[in-house]
C-alpha cells in the first residue's frame, strides 16, 4: 500500500474553521511539519479540502 508524505506549506491563519480542523485531523501543527498517511479515499478527500495549504508527495 502506498503512503503519502504531507507537508504543511502555508499557515492556517485566515483559513476557514473546517480547513483548520482538517489540518489538525491530518496531524499537522506548524508550518513545514510533515506526516505520512496511507493513500486511501479518506485521506485524499481531506487533502482535496486543503490542497492550497499542503504539499503532497508519494512515498
N, C-alpha and C. Protein backbone atom coordinates (compact mmCIF):
# COMPACT_ATOMS: atom_id res chain seq x y z
N UNK A 1 0.84 -1.18 0.00
CA UNK A 1 0.00 0.00 0.00
C UNK A 1 0.88 1.25 0.00
N UNK A 2 0.52 2.20 -0.81
CA UNK A 2 1.30 3.43 -0.93
C UNK A 2 1.02 4.37 0.25
N UNK A 3 1.99 5.22 0.52
CA UNK A 3 1.81 6.24 1.54
C UNK A 3 2.05 7.61 0.93
N UNK A 4 1.50 8.62 1.57
CA UNK A 4 1.65 10.00 1.12
C UNK A 4 2.41 10.78 2.18
N UNK A 5 3.38 11.56 1.76
CA UNK A 5 4.09 12.47 2.65
C UNK A 5 3.46 13.85 2.48
N UNK A 6 2.87 14.35 3.56
CA UNK A 6 2.10 15.59 3.52
C UNK A 6 2.86 16.65 4.32
N UNK A 7 3.10 17.80 3.69
CA UNK A 7 3.82 18.90 4.33
C UNK A 7 2.92 20.13 4.36
N UNK A 8 2.80 20.75 5.52
CA UNK A 8 2.04 21.99 5.64
C UNK A 8 2.95 23.14 5.19
N UNK A 9 2.62 23.77 4.05
CA UNK A 9 3.50 24.80 3.50
C UNK A 9 2.95 26.21 3.68
N UNK A 10 1.71 26.33 4.10
CA UNK A 10 1.11 27.64 4.28
C UNK A 10 0.39 27.66 5.62
N UNK A 11 0.41 28.79 6.29
CA UNK A 11 -0.21 28.92 7.60
C UNK A 11 -1.73 28.81 7.51
N UNK A 12 -2.33 28.37 8.62
CA UNK A 12 -3.79 28.26 8.66
C UNK A 12 -4.43 29.55 9.18
N UNK A 13 -3.63 30.58 9.44
CA UNK A 13 -4.20 31.86 9.84
C UNK A 13 -5.04 32.40 8.69
N UNK A 14 -6.27 32.70 8.95
CA UNK A 14 -7.16 33.20 7.92
C UNK A 14 -7.92 32.11 7.19
N UNK A 15 -7.60 30.85 7.46
CA UNK A 15 -8.31 29.74 6.82
C UNK A 15 -9.67 29.55 7.51
N UNK A 16 -10.57 28.89 6.81
CA UNK A 16 -11.88 28.60 7.38
C UNK A 16 -11.75 27.58 8.52
N UNK A 17 -12.74 27.57 9.39
CA UNK A 17 -12.69 26.70 10.57
C UNK A 17 -12.64 25.22 10.18
N UNK A 18 -13.37 24.82 9.15
CA UNK A 18 -13.34 23.41 8.76
C UNK A 18 -11.99 23.03 8.15
N UNK A 19 -11.32 23.97 7.50
CA UNK A 19 -9.99 23.70 6.96
C UNK A 19 -8.98 23.55 8.09
N UNK A 20 -9.09 24.38 9.12
CA UNK A 20 -8.21 24.26 10.28
C UNK A 20 -8.41 22.91 10.97
N UNK A 21 -9.66 22.48 11.06
CA UNK A 21 -9.96 21.19 11.68
C UNK A 21 -9.40 20.04 10.86
N UNK A 22 -9.44 20.17 9.54
CA UNK A 22 -8.90 19.14 8.67
C UNK A 22 -7.39 19.04 8.83
N UNK A 23 -6.71 20.17 8.89
CA UNK A 23 -5.26 20.18 9.10
C UNK A 23 -4.91 19.51 10.42
N UNK A 24 -5.66 19.81 11.46
CA UNK A 24 -5.43 19.22 12.77
C UNK A 24 -5.68 17.71 12.74
N UNK A 25 -6.73 17.29 12.03
CA UNK A 25 -7.05 15.87 11.92
C UNK A 25 -5.98 15.10 11.14
N UNK A 26 -5.32 15.77 10.23
CA UNK A 26 -4.22 15.14 9.50
C UNK A 26 -2.98 14.99 10.36
N UNK A 27 -2.93 15.70 11.48
CA UNK A 27 -1.79 15.60 12.39
C UNK A 27 -0.74 16.66 12.15
N UNK A 28 -1.08 17.70 11.39
CA UNK A 28 -0.15 18.79 11.11
C UNK A 28 -0.37 19.91 12.13
N UNK A 29 0.73 20.52 12.57
CA UNK A 29 0.61 21.57 13.58
C UNK A 29 1.20 22.88 13.09
N UNK A 30 2.50 22.91 12.89
CA UNK A 30 3.17 24.14 12.48
C UNK A 30 3.51 24.08 10.99
N UNK A 31 3.82 25.22 10.41
CA UNK A 31 4.27 25.28 9.03
C UNK A 31 5.53 24.43 8.88
N UNK A 32 5.64 23.73 7.78
CA UNK A 32 6.73 22.81 7.45
C UNK A 32 6.71 21.52 8.26
N UNK A 33 5.65 21.25 9.01
CA UNK A 33 5.56 19.95 9.67
C UNK A 33 5.15 18.90 8.65
N UNK A 34 5.63 17.67 8.86
CA UNK A 34 5.45 16.60 7.88
C UNK A 34 4.84 15.38 8.56
N UNK A 35 3.86 14.75 7.89
CA UNK A 35 3.30 13.48 8.35
C UNK A 35 3.22 12.54 7.15
N UNK A 36 3.17 11.26 7.45
CA UNK A 36 2.96 10.26 6.40
C UNK A 36 1.66 9.55 6.70
N UNK A 37 0.78 9.50 5.71
CA UNK A 37 -0.54 8.89 5.84
C UNK A 37 -0.73 7.87 4.73
N UNK A 38 -1.58 6.87 4.94
CA UNK A 38 -1.86 5.91 3.88
C UNK A 38 -2.64 6.58 2.75
N UNK A 39 -2.41 6.10 1.55
CA UNK A 39 -3.09 6.65 0.37
C UNK A 39 -4.42 5.93 0.21
N UNK A 40 -5.48 6.52 0.77
CA UNK A 40 -6.82 5.96 0.62
C UNK A 40 -7.82 7.08 0.34
N UNK A 41 -9.06 6.72 0.14
CA UNK A 41 -10.08 7.69 -0.25
C UNK A 41 -10.31 8.74 0.85
N UNK A 42 -10.25 8.33 2.09
CA UNK A 42 -10.47 9.26 3.21
C UNK A 42 -9.39 10.34 3.23
N UNK A 43 -8.14 9.92 3.13
CA UNK A 43 -7.03 10.87 3.14
C UNK A 43 -7.09 11.78 1.93
N UNK A 44 -7.39 11.23 0.76
CA UNK A 44 -7.48 12.03 -0.46
C UNK A 44 -8.57 13.09 -0.35
N UNK A 45 -9.69 12.75 0.26
CA UNK A 45 -10.77 13.72 0.45
C UNK A 45 -10.36 14.86 1.36
N UNK A 46 -9.62 14.52 2.43
CA UNK A 46 -9.15 15.56 3.34
C UNK A 46 -8.15 16.47 2.63
N UNK A 47 -7.28 15.88 1.82
CA UNK A 47 -6.29 16.67 1.11
C UNK A 47 -6.92 17.58 0.07
N UNK A 48 -8.01 17.13 -0.56
CA UNK A 48 -8.70 17.96 -1.54
C UNK A 48 -9.24 19.23 -0.90
N UNK A 49 -9.67 19.11 0.36
CA UNK A 49 -10.24 20.25 1.07
C UNK A 49 -9.19 21.31 1.40
N UNK A 50 -7.94 20.89 1.59
CA UNK A 50 -6.88 21.82 2.00
C UNK A 50 -5.72 21.82 1.01
N UNK A 51 -5.98 21.56 -0.25
CA UNK A 51 -4.92 21.43 -1.25
C UNK A 51 -4.10 22.69 -1.42
N UNK A 52 -4.65 23.85 -1.08
CA UNK A 52 -3.91 25.11 -1.22
C UNK A 52 -2.98 25.37 -0.03
N UNK A 53 -3.04 24.53 1.00
CA UNK A 53 -2.21 24.72 2.19
C UNK A 53 -1.10 23.69 2.33
N UNK A 54 -1.18 22.60 1.55
CA UNK A 54 -0.25 21.49 1.73
C UNK A 54 0.47 21.12 0.45
N UNK A 55 1.58 20.39 0.62
CA UNK A 55 2.31 19.80 -0.50
C UNK A 55 2.28 18.29 -0.26
N UNK A 56 1.97 17.53 -1.31
CA UNK A 56 1.82 16.08 -1.18
C UNK A 56 2.79 15.38 -2.10
N UNK A 57 3.48 14.36 -1.55
CA UNK A 57 4.41 13.54 -2.32
C UNK A 57 4.07 12.08 -2.07
N UNK A 58 4.18 11.25 -3.11
CA UNK A 58 4.01 9.81 -2.93
C UNK A 58 5.33 9.22 -2.46
N UNK A 59 5.25 8.32 -1.49
CA UNK A 59 6.46 7.69 -0.96
C UNK A 59 6.49 6.24 -1.40
